[in-house]
N, C-alpha and C. Protein backbone atom coordinates (compact mmCIF):
# COMPACT_ATOMS: atom_id res chain seq x y z
N MET A 1 97.52 -170.45 131.21
CA MET A 1 97.68 -169.17 131.91
C MET A 1 99.16 -168.83 132.10
N LEU A 2 99.92 -169.80 132.62
CA LEU A 2 101.35 -169.61 132.87
C LEU A 2 102.14 -170.78 132.31
N ARG A 3 103.19 -170.44 131.57
CA ARG A 3 104.09 -171.49 131.06
C ARG A 3 105.52 -170.98 131.20
N ALA A 4 106.31 -171.64 132.04
CA ALA A 4 107.73 -171.31 132.19
C ALA A 4 108.53 -172.53 131.75
N LYS A 5 109.54 -172.32 130.92
CA LYS A 5 110.31 -173.44 130.37
C LYS A 5 111.80 -173.21 130.55
N ASN A 6 112.46 -174.25 131.07
CA ASN A 6 113.92 -174.31 131.16
C ASN A 6 114.50 -173.08 131.88
N ILE A 7 113.90 -172.73 133.04
CA ILE A 7 114.34 -171.56 133.77
C ILE A 7 115.63 -171.86 134.53
N GLU A 8 116.63 -171.05 134.29
CA GLU A 8 117.91 -171.17 134.98
C GLU A 8 118.23 -169.85 135.69
N LYS A 9 118.86 -169.97 136.87
CA LYS A 9 119.24 -168.77 137.61
C LYS A 9 120.46 -169.06 138.47
N ARG A 10 121.43 -168.16 138.38
CA ARG A 10 122.64 -168.21 139.20
C ARG A 10 122.75 -166.95 140.04
N TYR A 11 123.28 -167.10 141.23
CA TYR A 11 123.68 -165.96 142.04
C TYR A 11 125.15 -166.17 142.37
N GLY A 12 126.00 -165.38 141.72
CA GLY A 12 127.43 -165.62 141.86
C GLY A 12 127.76 -166.98 141.26
N GLY A 13 128.44 -167.81 142.02
CA GLY A 13 128.79 -169.14 141.53
C GLY A 13 127.79 -170.21 141.90
N ILE A 14 126.65 -169.81 142.50
CA ILE A 14 125.67 -170.79 142.97
C ILE A 14 124.55 -170.92 141.94
N GLU A 15 124.34 -172.12 141.46
CA GLU A 15 123.27 -172.41 140.51
C GLU A 15 122.00 -172.73 141.30
N VAL A 16 121.05 -171.80 141.32
CA VAL A 16 119.85 -171.93 142.15
C VAL A 16 118.74 -172.67 141.40
N LEU A 17 118.53 -172.35 140.14
CA LEU A 17 117.54 -173.04 139.31
C LEU A 17 118.24 -173.68 138.12
N LYS A 18 117.92 -174.96 137.88
CA LYS A 18 118.67 -175.75 136.90
C LYS A 18 117.76 -176.31 135.81
N GLY A 19 117.09 -175.41 135.09
CA GLY A 19 116.23 -175.84 134.00
C GLY A 19 114.86 -176.26 134.46
N VAL A 20 114.15 -175.37 135.12
CA VAL A 20 112.84 -175.68 135.70
C VAL A 20 111.72 -175.39 134.69
N ASP A 21 110.78 -176.32 134.59
CA ASP A 21 109.57 -176.15 133.78
C ASP A 21 108.35 -176.17 134.71
N ILE A 22 107.38 -175.29 134.45
CA ILE A 22 106.13 -175.34 135.19
C ILE A 22 105.01 -174.73 134.35
N GLN A 23 103.83 -175.31 134.43
CA GLN A 23 102.65 -174.78 133.77
C GLN A 23 101.51 -174.72 134.77
N VAL A 24 100.69 -173.66 134.66
CA VAL A 24 99.52 -173.49 135.52
C VAL A 24 98.35 -173.10 134.64
N GLN A 25 97.22 -173.77 134.82
CA GLN A 25 96.02 -173.48 134.04
C GLN A 25 95.17 -172.42 134.75
N LYS A 26 94.32 -171.75 134.00
CA LYS A 26 93.41 -170.76 134.58
C LYS A 26 92.49 -171.43 135.60
N GLY A 27 92.31 -170.80 136.76
CA GLY A 27 91.43 -171.33 137.79
C GLY A 27 92.04 -172.48 138.58
N GLU A 28 93.34 -172.69 138.45
CA GLU A 28 94.01 -173.78 139.14
C GLU A 28 94.79 -173.24 140.34
N ILE A 29 94.80 -174.01 141.42
CA ILE A 29 95.63 -173.71 142.58
C ILE A 29 96.77 -174.72 142.59
N VAL A 30 98.00 -174.23 142.42
CA VAL A 30 99.17 -175.10 142.39
C VAL A 30 100.10 -174.71 143.53
N SER A 31 100.52 -175.69 144.31
CA SER A 31 101.47 -175.45 145.40
C SER A 31 102.84 -176.01 145.03
N ILE A 32 103.89 -175.24 145.33
CA ILE A 32 105.27 -175.68 145.17
C ILE A 32 105.81 -176.00 146.55
N VAL A 33 106.28 -177.22 146.75
CA VAL A 33 106.81 -177.64 148.04
C VAL A 33 108.26 -178.10 147.87
N GLY A 34 108.95 -178.22 149.00
CA GLY A 34 110.35 -178.65 148.99
C GLY A 34 111.08 -178.03 150.15
N SER A 35 112.24 -178.53 150.44
CA SER A 35 113.02 -178.04 151.58
C SER A 35 113.54 -176.64 151.32
N SER A 36 113.96 -175.97 152.37
CA SER A 36 114.56 -174.64 152.23
C SER A 36 115.80 -174.73 151.35
N GLY A 37 115.94 -173.75 150.45
CA GLY A 37 117.08 -173.75 149.55
C GLY A 37 116.85 -174.51 148.26
N ALA A 38 115.62 -175.03 148.06
CA ALA A 38 115.34 -175.80 146.85
C ALA A 38 115.16 -174.92 145.62
N GLY A 39 114.93 -173.62 145.86
CA GLY A 39 114.75 -172.69 144.74
C GLY A 39 113.31 -172.25 144.55
N LYS A 40 112.42 -172.58 145.50
CA LYS A 40 110.99 -172.30 145.34
C LYS A 40 110.71 -170.80 145.23
N SER A 41 111.20 -170.03 146.19
CA SER A 41 110.93 -168.59 146.19
C SER A 41 111.61 -167.90 145.02
N THR A 42 112.79 -168.36 144.65
CA THR A 42 113.47 -167.79 143.49
C THR A 42 112.63 -167.98 142.23
N LEU A 43 112.07 -169.18 142.07
CA LEU A 43 111.21 -169.44 140.91
C LEU A 43 109.99 -168.54 140.94
N LEU A 44 109.38 -168.38 142.12
CA LEU A 44 108.18 -167.54 142.23
C LEU A 44 108.50 -166.09 141.87
N HIS A 45 109.65 -165.59 142.33
CA HIS A 45 110.03 -164.22 142.04
C HIS A 45 110.31 -164.03 140.55
N ILE A 46 110.86 -165.03 139.90
CA ILE A 46 111.12 -164.94 138.47
C ILE A 46 109.82 -164.99 137.68
N VAL A 47 108.93 -165.91 138.06
CA VAL A 47 107.62 -165.99 137.41
C VAL A 47 106.86 -164.66 137.59
N GLY A 48 107.03 -164.04 138.77
CA GLY A 48 106.35 -162.79 139.06
C GLY A 48 107.04 -161.56 138.52
N THR A 49 108.09 -161.72 137.75
CA THR A 49 108.85 -160.66 137.09
C THR A 49 109.59 -159.76 138.08
N LEU A 50 109.75 -160.21 139.33
CA LEU A 50 110.54 -159.46 140.30
C LEU A 50 112.03 -159.70 140.10
N ASP A 51 112.36 -160.74 139.35
CA ASP A 51 113.75 -161.07 139.04
C ASP A 51 113.78 -161.62 137.62
N LYS A 52 114.93 -161.58 137.00
CA LYS A 52 115.08 -162.05 135.62
C LYS A 52 115.80 -163.40 135.61
N PRO A 53 115.34 -164.34 134.77
CA PRO A 53 116.08 -165.60 134.64
C PRO A 53 117.35 -165.40 133.82
N ASP A 54 118.34 -166.26 134.05
CA ASP A 54 119.54 -166.24 133.21
C ASP A 54 119.29 -166.95 131.89
N ALA A 55 118.33 -167.87 131.90
CA ALA A 55 117.95 -168.59 130.68
C ALA A 55 116.53 -169.07 130.84
N GLY A 56 115.88 -169.37 129.71
CA GLY A 56 114.52 -169.88 129.74
C GLY A 56 113.50 -168.84 129.31
N THR A 57 112.25 -169.28 129.17
CA THR A 57 111.18 -168.41 128.71
C THR A 57 110.00 -168.47 129.68
N ILE A 58 109.29 -167.34 129.81
CA ILE A 58 108.11 -167.26 130.67
C ILE A 58 107.00 -166.59 129.87
N GLU A 59 105.87 -167.28 129.80
CA GLU A 59 104.70 -166.73 129.12
C GLU A 59 103.54 -166.69 130.09
N LEU A 60 102.96 -165.49 130.27
CA LEU A 60 101.84 -165.31 131.18
C LEU A 60 100.72 -164.61 130.42
N ASN A 61 99.57 -165.25 130.37
CA ASN A 61 98.42 -164.68 129.66
C ASN A 61 98.77 -164.39 128.20
N GLY A 62 99.59 -165.25 127.61
CA GLY A 62 99.95 -165.11 126.20
C GLY A 62 101.05 -164.11 125.91
N ILE A 63 101.67 -163.55 126.95
CA ILE A 63 102.71 -162.54 126.76
C ILE A 63 104.04 -163.04 127.32
N ARG A 64 105.11 -162.90 126.55
CA ARG A 64 106.44 -163.30 126.97
C ARG A 64 107.00 -162.24 127.94
N THR A 65 106.93 -162.53 129.22
CA THR A 65 107.36 -161.54 130.21
C THR A 65 108.88 -161.39 130.26
N ASP A 66 109.62 -162.41 129.86
CA ASP A 66 111.08 -162.31 129.89
C ASP A 66 111.60 -161.34 128.83
N ASN A 67 110.72 -160.89 127.94
CA ASN A 67 111.10 -159.91 126.92
C ASN A 67 110.70 -158.48 127.29
N LEU A 68 110.10 -158.31 128.47
CA LEU A 68 109.66 -156.98 128.89
C LEU A 68 110.72 -156.35 129.82
N PHE A 69 110.83 -155.02 129.73
CA PHE A 69 111.81 -154.30 130.56
C PHE A 69 111.23 -152.97 130.99
N GLY A 70 111.81 -152.39 132.03
CA GLY A 70 111.51 -151.03 132.45
C GLY A 70 110.05 -150.80 132.77
N LYS A 71 109.54 -149.66 132.29
CA LYS A 71 108.16 -149.26 132.60
C LYS A 71 107.14 -150.25 132.03
N GLN A 72 107.46 -150.84 130.90
CA GLN A 72 106.56 -151.83 130.30
C GLN A 72 106.40 -153.04 131.21
N LEU A 73 107.50 -153.49 131.80
CA LEU A 73 107.47 -154.63 132.72
C LEU A 73 106.73 -154.26 134.00
N THR A 74 107.00 -153.06 134.53
CA THR A 74 106.33 -152.62 135.76
C THR A 74 104.83 -152.54 135.57
N ALA A 75 104.39 -152.01 134.44
CA ALA A 75 102.96 -151.90 134.16
C ALA A 75 102.33 -153.28 134.01
N PHE A 76 103.02 -154.19 133.34
CA PHE A 76 102.49 -155.56 133.18
C PHE A 76 102.32 -156.22 134.53
N ARG A 77 103.33 -156.11 135.39
CA ARG A 77 103.27 -156.72 136.72
C ARG A 77 102.10 -156.16 137.53
N ASN A 78 101.93 -154.86 137.48
CA ASN A 78 100.86 -154.20 138.23
C ASN A 78 99.48 -154.66 137.78
N GLN A 79 99.32 -154.89 136.49
CA GLN A 79 98.01 -155.20 135.93
C GLN A 79 97.68 -156.69 135.91
N HIS A 80 98.69 -157.55 135.87
CA HIS A 80 98.42 -158.97 135.63
C HIS A 80 98.79 -159.90 136.78
N ILE A 81 99.57 -159.40 137.77
CA ILE A 81 100.08 -160.29 138.82
C ILE A 81 99.75 -159.71 140.19
N GLY A 82 99.19 -160.53 141.07
CA GLY A 82 98.98 -160.15 142.45
C GLY A 82 99.96 -160.90 143.34
N PHE A 83 100.42 -160.28 144.41
CA PHE A 83 101.40 -160.89 145.30
C PHE A 83 100.87 -160.94 146.73
N VAL A 84 101.09 -162.08 147.39
CA VAL A 84 100.84 -162.21 148.82
C VAL A 84 102.09 -162.85 149.42
N PHE A 85 102.70 -162.16 150.39
CA PHE A 85 103.94 -162.65 150.99
C PHE A 85 103.69 -163.09 152.44
N GLN A 86 104.67 -163.76 153.02
CA GLN A 86 104.57 -164.19 154.41
C GLN A 86 104.37 -162.98 155.32
N PHE A 87 105.15 -161.94 155.08
CA PHE A 87 104.99 -160.69 155.81
C PHE A 87 104.23 -159.75 154.88
N HIS A 88 103.07 -159.33 155.31
CA HIS A 88 102.08 -158.70 154.46
C HIS A 88 102.54 -157.44 153.75
N HIS A 89 103.55 -156.72 154.32
CA HIS A 89 104.08 -155.50 153.70
C HIS A 89 103.01 -154.43 153.50
N LEU A 90 102.08 -154.31 154.44
CA LEU A 90 101.13 -153.21 154.39
C LEU A 90 101.84 -151.93 154.83
N LEU A 91 101.41 -150.81 154.28
CA LEU A 91 102.00 -149.52 154.66
C LEU A 91 101.34 -149.03 155.94
N PRO A 92 102.13 -148.81 157.00
CA PRO A 92 101.55 -148.57 158.33
C PRO A 92 100.76 -147.28 158.45
N GLU A 93 101.05 -146.29 157.61
CA GLU A 93 100.38 -145.00 157.75
C GLU A 93 99.04 -144.95 157.04
N PHE A 94 98.69 -146.02 156.30
CA PHE A 94 97.44 -146.05 155.54
C PHE A 94 96.45 -147.02 156.16
N SER A 95 95.17 -146.74 155.96
CA SER A 95 94.11 -147.62 156.45
C SER A 95 94.05 -148.89 155.59
N ALA A 96 93.24 -149.85 156.04
CA ALA A 96 93.08 -151.10 155.30
C ALA A 96 92.61 -150.81 153.88
N VAL A 97 91.57 -149.99 153.73
CA VAL A 97 91.03 -149.73 152.39
C VAL A 97 92.04 -148.97 151.53
N GLU A 98 92.81 -148.07 152.12
CA GLU A 98 93.83 -147.35 151.35
C GLU A 98 94.94 -148.28 150.89
N ASN A 99 95.36 -149.21 151.75
CA ASN A 99 96.37 -150.18 151.35
C ASN A 99 95.92 -151.01 150.16
N VAL A 100 94.65 -151.40 150.17
CA VAL A 100 94.10 -152.19 149.06
C VAL A 100 94.06 -151.37 147.78
N CYS A 101 93.77 -150.08 147.91
CA CYS A 101 93.62 -149.21 146.74
C CYS A 101 94.93 -148.93 146.01
N ILE A 102 96.05 -148.98 146.72
CA ILE A 102 97.31 -148.46 146.18
C ILE A 102 97.67 -149.03 144.79
N PRO A 103 97.61 -150.37 144.56
CA PRO A 103 97.94 -150.85 143.21
C PRO A 103 96.99 -150.32 142.14
N GLY A 104 95.72 -150.12 142.50
CA GLY A 104 94.77 -149.57 141.54
C GLY A 104 95.08 -148.13 141.21
N TRP A 105 95.46 -147.36 142.23
CA TRP A 105 95.84 -145.96 141.98
C TRP A 105 97.10 -145.88 141.15
N ILE A 106 98.07 -146.76 141.43
CA ILE A 106 99.31 -146.79 140.64
C ILE A 106 99.00 -147.08 139.17
N ALA A 107 98.00 -147.95 138.95
CA ALA A 107 97.62 -148.31 137.58
C ALA A 107 96.90 -147.17 136.86
N GLY A 108 96.54 -146.11 137.60
CA GLY A 108 95.87 -144.97 136.99
C GLY A 108 94.37 -145.11 136.96
N ASN A 109 93.82 -146.06 137.72
CA ASN A 109 92.37 -146.23 137.75
C ASN A 109 91.73 -145.09 138.53
N LYS A 110 90.47 -144.82 138.23
CA LYS A 110 89.78 -143.72 138.89
C LYS A 110 89.69 -143.96 140.39
N ARG A 111 89.94 -142.88 141.14
CA ARG A 111 90.06 -143.00 142.58
C ARG A 111 88.78 -143.52 143.24
N ASN A 112 87.64 -142.95 142.87
CA ASN A 112 86.38 -143.35 143.50
C ASN A 112 86.02 -144.80 143.16
N ALA A 113 86.20 -145.18 141.91
CA ALA A 113 85.88 -146.54 141.48
C ALA A 113 86.78 -147.56 142.18
N THR A 114 88.05 -147.19 142.31
CA THR A 114 89.01 -148.07 142.98
C THR A 114 88.65 -148.24 144.45
N THR A 115 88.27 -147.15 145.09
CA THR A 115 87.88 -147.22 146.51
C THR A 115 86.65 -148.10 146.69
N LYS A 116 85.66 -147.94 145.82
CA LYS A 116 84.45 -148.77 145.91
C LYS A 116 84.79 -150.25 145.74
N LYS A 117 85.67 -150.54 144.81
CA LYS A 117 86.06 -151.93 144.58
C LYS A 117 86.83 -152.48 145.78
N ALA A 118 87.71 -151.67 146.36
CA ALA A 118 88.48 -152.10 147.53
C ALA A 118 87.55 -152.42 148.69
N ILE A 119 86.56 -151.57 148.90
CA ILE A 119 85.59 -151.82 149.97
C ILE A 119 84.84 -153.12 149.71
N ALA A 120 84.42 -153.34 148.46
CA ALA A 120 83.70 -154.56 148.12
C ALA A 120 84.56 -155.80 148.36
N LEU A 121 85.83 -155.71 147.99
CA LEU A 121 86.74 -156.84 148.21
C LEU A 121 86.91 -157.13 149.70
N LEU A 122 87.13 -156.09 150.47
CA LEU A 122 87.31 -156.28 151.91
C LEU A 122 86.05 -156.85 152.55
N GLU A 123 84.89 -156.40 152.09
CA GLU A 123 83.63 -156.96 152.62
C GLU A 123 83.50 -158.43 152.25
N THR A 124 83.87 -158.78 151.03
CA THR A 124 83.83 -160.18 150.59
C THR A 124 84.76 -161.05 151.44
N LEU A 125 85.87 -160.48 151.88
CA LEU A 125 86.86 -161.21 152.66
C LEU A 125 86.61 -161.11 154.16
N GLY A 126 85.43 -160.60 154.52
CA GLY A 126 85.07 -160.52 155.93
C GLY A 126 85.73 -159.41 156.70
N MET A 127 86.15 -158.36 155.98
CA MET A 127 86.86 -157.25 156.61
C MET A 127 86.10 -155.93 156.51
N GLY A 128 84.81 -156.00 156.25
CA GLY A 128 84.02 -154.79 156.09
C GLY A 128 83.97 -153.92 157.33
N HIS A 129 84.20 -154.52 158.49
CA HIS A 129 84.17 -153.76 159.76
C HIS A 129 85.53 -153.17 160.11
N ARG A 130 86.53 -153.38 159.24
CA ARG A 130 87.89 -152.92 159.53
C ARG A 130 88.43 -151.96 158.47
N LEU A 131 87.56 -151.37 157.69
CA LEU A 131 88.00 -150.57 156.55
C LEU A 131 88.94 -149.44 156.92
N ASP A 132 88.66 -148.77 158.02
CA ASP A 132 89.44 -147.58 158.38
C ASP A 132 90.56 -147.87 159.38
N ASN A 133 90.71 -149.13 159.76
CA ASN A 133 91.77 -149.49 160.70
C ASN A 133 93.13 -149.52 160.00
N LYS A 134 94.15 -149.07 160.70
CA LYS A 134 95.52 -149.16 160.19
C LYS A 134 96.10 -150.53 160.57
N PRO A 135 97.18 -150.95 159.90
CA PRO A 135 97.72 -152.29 160.13
C PRO A 135 97.98 -152.64 161.59
N ASN A 136 98.46 -151.66 162.38
CA ASN A 136 98.77 -151.98 163.78
C ASN A 136 97.53 -152.18 164.64
N GLN A 137 96.36 -151.95 164.06
CA GLN A 137 95.09 -152.19 164.75
C GLN A 137 94.44 -153.49 164.30
N LEU A 138 95.13 -154.25 163.47
CA LEU A 138 94.60 -155.50 162.91
C LEU A 138 95.41 -156.69 163.42
N SER A 139 94.75 -157.84 163.54
CA SER A 139 95.45 -159.08 163.87
C SER A 139 96.24 -159.56 162.67
N GLY A 140 97.11 -160.56 162.89
CA GLY A 140 97.90 -161.10 161.78
C GLY A 140 97.03 -161.64 160.66
N GLY A 141 95.96 -162.36 161.04
CA GLY A 141 95.06 -162.91 160.03
C GLY A 141 94.34 -161.82 159.26
N GLU A 142 93.94 -160.76 159.96
CA GLU A 142 93.26 -159.64 159.30
C GLU A 142 94.20 -158.91 158.36
N GLN A 143 95.43 -158.72 158.79
CA GLN A 143 96.41 -158.06 157.92
C GLN A 143 96.63 -158.87 156.64
N GLN A 144 96.67 -160.19 156.77
CA GLN A 144 96.89 -161.01 155.58
C GLN A 144 95.68 -160.97 154.65
N ARG A 145 94.47 -160.83 155.20
CA ARG A 145 93.28 -160.68 154.36
C ARG A 145 93.33 -159.36 153.58
N VAL A 146 93.81 -158.31 154.24
CA VAL A 146 93.99 -157.04 153.53
C VAL A 146 95.00 -157.22 152.40
N ALA A 147 96.07 -157.95 152.67
CA ALA A 147 97.08 -158.20 151.64
C ALA A 147 96.49 -158.99 150.46
N VAL A 148 95.60 -159.93 150.75
CA VAL A 148 94.94 -160.70 149.68
C VAL A 148 94.06 -159.77 148.85
N ALA A 149 93.28 -158.90 149.52
CA ALA A 149 92.44 -157.94 148.80
C ALA A 149 93.28 -157.04 147.91
N ARG A 150 94.42 -156.59 148.44
CA ARG A 150 95.33 -155.75 147.65
C ARG A 150 95.82 -156.50 146.41
N ALA A 151 96.11 -157.79 146.57
CA ALA A 151 96.58 -158.59 145.44
C ALA A 151 95.51 -158.74 144.36
N LEU A 152 94.24 -158.63 144.74
CA LEU A 152 93.12 -158.86 143.81
C LEU A 152 92.59 -157.59 143.17
N ILE A 153 93.00 -156.41 143.64
CA ILE A 153 92.35 -155.16 143.26
C ILE A 153 92.39 -154.90 141.76
N ASN A 154 93.43 -155.35 141.06
CA ASN A 154 93.54 -155.09 139.62
C ASN A 154 93.13 -156.29 138.77
N ASN A 155 92.34 -157.21 139.34
CA ASN A 155 91.89 -158.42 138.62
C ASN A 155 93.06 -159.15 137.97
N PRO A 156 94.04 -159.59 138.76
CA PRO A 156 95.24 -160.20 138.17
C PRO A 156 94.94 -161.54 137.51
N ALA A 157 95.74 -161.86 136.50
CA ALA A 157 95.63 -163.18 135.88
C ALA A 157 95.98 -164.27 136.88
N ILE A 158 96.95 -163.98 137.75
CA ILE A 158 97.43 -164.98 138.70
C ILE A 158 97.85 -164.29 139.99
N VAL A 159 97.62 -164.97 141.11
CA VAL A 159 98.13 -164.51 142.40
C VAL A 159 99.28 -165.42 142.81
N LEU A 160 100.43 -164.83 143.10
CA LEU A 160 101.60 -165.57 143.56
C LEU A 160 101.73 -165.36 145.06
N ALA A 161 101.76 -166.46 145.80
CA ALA A 161 101.80 -166.38 147.26
C ALA A 161 103.04 -167.11 147.77
N ASP A 162 103.88 -166.39 148.51
CA ASP A 162 105.14 -166.94 149.04
C ASP A 162 105.00 -167.14 150.54
N GLU A 163 104.81 -168.39 150.96
CA GLU A 163 104.61 -168.74 152.38
C GLU A 163 103.52 -167.86 153.02
N PRO A 164 102.32 -167.82 152.42
CA PRO A 164 101.30 -166.87 152.89
C PRO A 164 100.80 -167.16 154.31
N THR A 165 100.95 -168.40 154.78
CA THR A 165 100.50 -168.72 156.14
C THR A 165 101.67 -168.88 157.11
N GLY A 166 102.87 -168.57 156.66
CA GLY A 166 104.06 -168.80 157.48
C GLY A 166 104.11 -167.98 158.74
N ASN A 167 103.37 -166.88 158.79
CA ASN A 167 103.40 -166.01 159.95
C ASN A 167 102.07 -166.02 160.71
N LEU A 168 101.22 -167.04 160.41
CA LEU A 168 99.89 -167.12 161.01
C LEU A 168 99.78 -168.33 161.92
N ASP A 169 98.89 -168.22 162.94
CA ASP A 169 98.60 -169.40 163.76
C ASP A 169 97.73 -170.37 162.96
N SER A 170 97.51 -171.56 163.50
CA SER A 170 96.83 -172.62 162.74
C SER A 170 95.40 -172.22 162.36
N SER A 171 94.70 -171.51 163.25
CA SER A 171 93.32 -171.12 162.97
C SER A 171 93.26 -170.13 161.81
N ASN A 172 94.09 -169.10 161.86
CA ASN A 172 94.11 -168.12 160.77
C ASN A 172 94.64 -168.74 159.48
N ALA A 173 95.56 -169.68 159.60
CA ALA A 173 96.09 -170.35 158.41
C ALA A 173 94.98 -171.13 157.70
N LYS A 174 94.16 -171.84 158.47
CA LYS A 174 93.05 -172.59 157.88
C LYS A 174 92.07 -171.67 157.19
N GLU A 175 91.79 -170.52 157.80
CA GLU A 175 90.87 -169.55 157.20
C GLU A 175 91.41 -169.03 155.87
N LEU A 176 92.72 -168.77 155.84
CA LEU A 176 93.32 -168.28 154.60
C LEU A 176 93.31 -169.36 153.53
N HIS A 177 93.55 -170.61 153.92
CA HIS A 177 93.47 -171.71 152.96
C HIS A 177 92.09 -171.73 152.32
N GLN A 178 91.05 -171.67 153.15
CA GLN A 178 89.68 -171.74 152.64
C GLN A 178 89.36 -170.53 151.77
N LEU A 179 89.94 -169.39 152.12
CA LEU A 179 89.73 -168.19 151.32
C LEU A 179 90.25 -168.38 149.90
N PHE A 180 91.42 -168.97 149.77
CA PHE A 180 91.96 -169.24 148.43
C PHE A 180 91.03 -170.17 147.64
N ILE A 181 90.52 -171.20 148.30
CA ILE A 181 89.60 -172.14 147.65
C ILE A 181 88.34 -171.41 147.19
N ASP A 182 87.79 -170.56 148.06
CA ASP A 182 86.57 -169.82 147.73
C ASP A 182 86.80 -168.88 146.54
N LEU A 183 87.95 -168.22 146.51
CA LEU A 183 88.25 -167.31 145.41
C LEU A 183 88.40 -168.06 144.09
N ARG A 184 88.97 -169.25 144.16
CA ARG A 184 89.06 -170.08 142.96
C ARG A 184 87.67 -170.54 142.51
N ASN A 185 86.87 -171.02 143.47
CA ASN A 185 85.55 -171.55 143.12
C ASN A 185 84.61 -170.47 142.61
N ASN A 186 84.65 -169.29 143.24
CA ASN A 186 83.68 -168.25 142.93
C ASN A 186 84.11 -167.33 141.80
N PHE A 187 85.43 -167.15 141.63
CA PHE A 187 85.91 -166.17 140.64
C PHE A 187 86.93 -166.74 139.66
N GLN A 188 87.17 -168.07 139.72
CA GLN A 188 88.15 -168.70 138.84
C GLN A 188 89.53 -168.06 138.97
N GLN A 189 89.87 -167.62 140.20
CA GLN A 189 91.17 -167.01 140.43
C GLN A 189 92.25 -168.08 140.43
N THR A 190 93.35 -167.79 139.76
CA THR A 190 94.48 -168.71 139.65
C THR A 190 95.52 -168.38 140.72
N PHE A 191 96.06 -169.44 141.35
CA PHE A 191 97.07 -169.25 142.41
C PHE A 191 98.27 -170.15 142.16
N LEU A 192 99.46 -169.59 142.40
CA LEU A 192 100.69 -170.38 142.48
C LEU A 192 101.29 -170.06 143.84
N ILE A 193 101.43 -171.09 144.69
CA ILE A 193 101.75 -170.89 146.10
C ILE A 193 103.01 -171.66 146.47
N VAL A 194 103.96 -170.97 147.08
CA VAL A 194 105.11 -171.63 147.72
C VAL A 194 104.77 -171.82 149.18
N THR A 195 104.87 -173.05 149.68
CA THR A 195 104.47 -173.28 151.07
C THR A 195 105.20 -174.47 151.68
N HIS A 196 105.42 -174.37 152.99
CA HIS A 196 105.86 -175.51 153.78
C HIS A 196 104.68 -176.13 154.53
N ASN A 197 103.49 -175.53 154.38
CA ASN A 197 102.31 -175.98 155.11
C ASN A 197 101.67 -177.16 154.38
N GLU A 198 101.77 -178.33 154.97
CA GLU A 198 101.28 -179.55 154.33
C GLU A 198 99.78 -179.48 154.07
N GLU A 199 99.03 -178.89 155.01
CA GLU A 199 97.58 -178.82 154.86
C GLU A 199 97.20 -177.93 153.68
N LEU A 200 97.85 -176.79 153.56
CA LEU A 200 97.59 -175.90 152.43
C LEU A 200 97.93 -176.61 151.12
N ALA A 201 99.06 -177.27 151.07
CA ALA A 201 99.45 -177.97 149.84
C ALA A 201 98.42 -179.02 149.45
N GLN A 202 97.92 -179.77 150.43
CA GLN A 202 96.96 -180.84 150.15
C GLN A 202 95.61 -180.30 149.67
N MET A 203 95.30 -179.04 149.99
CA MET A 203 94.06 -178.43 149.52
C MET A 203 94.18 -177.92 148.08
N SER A 204 95.39 -177.90 147.55
CA SER A 204 95.61 -177.41 146.19
C SER A 204 95.12 -178.43 145.17
N ASP A 205 94.96 -177.96 143.93
CA ASP A 205 94.59 -178.87 142.85
C ASP A 205 95.77 -179.75 142.45
N ARG A 206 96.97 -179.20 142.62
CA ARG A 206 98.17 -179.93 142.18
C ARG A 206 99.34 -179.49 143.04
N ILE A 207 100.23 -180.42 143.33
CA ILE A 207 101.45 -180.14 144.10
C ILE A 207 102.66 -180.44 143.21
N VAL A 208 103.61 -179.49 143.15
CA VAL A 208 104.87 -179.76 142.46
C VAL A 208 105.97 -179.67 143.50
N GLN A 209 106.93 -180.59 143.42
CA GLN A 209 107.99 -180.65 144.41
C GLN A 209 109.32 -180.28 143.78
N MET A 210 110.08 -179.43 144.50
CA MET A 210 111.39 -179.02 144.03
C MET A 210 112.47 -179.54 144.96
N LYS A 211 113.62 -179.83 144.38
CA LYS A 211 114.79 -180.24 145.15
C LYS A 211 116.03 -179.82 144.39
N ASP A 212 116.92 -179.11 145.09
CA ASP A 212 118.21 -178.70 144.52
C ASP A 212 118.05 -178.00 143.17
N GLY A 213 117.05 -177.10 143.07
CA GLY A 213 116.90 -176.29 141.88
C GLY A 213 116.22 -176.97 140.71
N ARG A 214 115.61 -178.12 140.94
CA ARG A 214 114.91 -178.84 139.88
C ARG A 214 113.51 -179.26 140.34
N MET A 215 112.61 -179.44 139.38
CA MET A 215 111.34 -180.09 139.66
C MET A 215 111.57 -181.59 139.67
N ILE A 216 111.19 -182.24 140.77
CA ILE A 216 111.42 -183.68 140.84
C ILE A 216 110.13 -184.47 140.79
N GLU A 217 108.98 -183.79 140.99
CA GLU A 217 107.72 -184.53 141.03
C GLU A 217 106.56 -183.57 140.82
N GLN A 218 105.54 -184.00 140.08
CA GLN A 218 104.32 -183.22 139.93
C GLN A 218 103.12 -184.13 140.17
């Protein structure tokens, strides 16, 4: 599903990634762990095409993403990659179902079909009673479930999650962990997760550890 080889990245004179390799299979949940500053989020952003590597190759779903630019890259990201961040980044003026629909509408999918799918996703994630609520009417755990539904709306090849439980209490964090497991088991959804949460990492199929811009253990 995902193959990144010899990824290097500098910011100014600081070498953040020093030849990182990582592979993820379809239907696999992989967690990246390591101390702050190890390069975990930088790697996730590069894999997710939000940033460009200085060197190395990235192949996702058989396509070399490091060779894509402009509108072609934006369209690929929208259609193949879902994102879940520590801070959900929901748009405050839109309802839960509208927030979920936005990537589908951007992709040019039919409005009614996208709305029906968004409702189905939210119901699957236990949010069927919150469809019309705006973000400020939702708890932190509920907002993160909306963000997960939004990440899934375009049937992405992979969901990239950057500290997805970092802003949640332990109860909501456990629920989100189980949600990822259920999505993998029921839909073969692939996840690559950056986390400091030991419990979430241990629930993954595989843990990779980073230190000082390198993979040191898998």
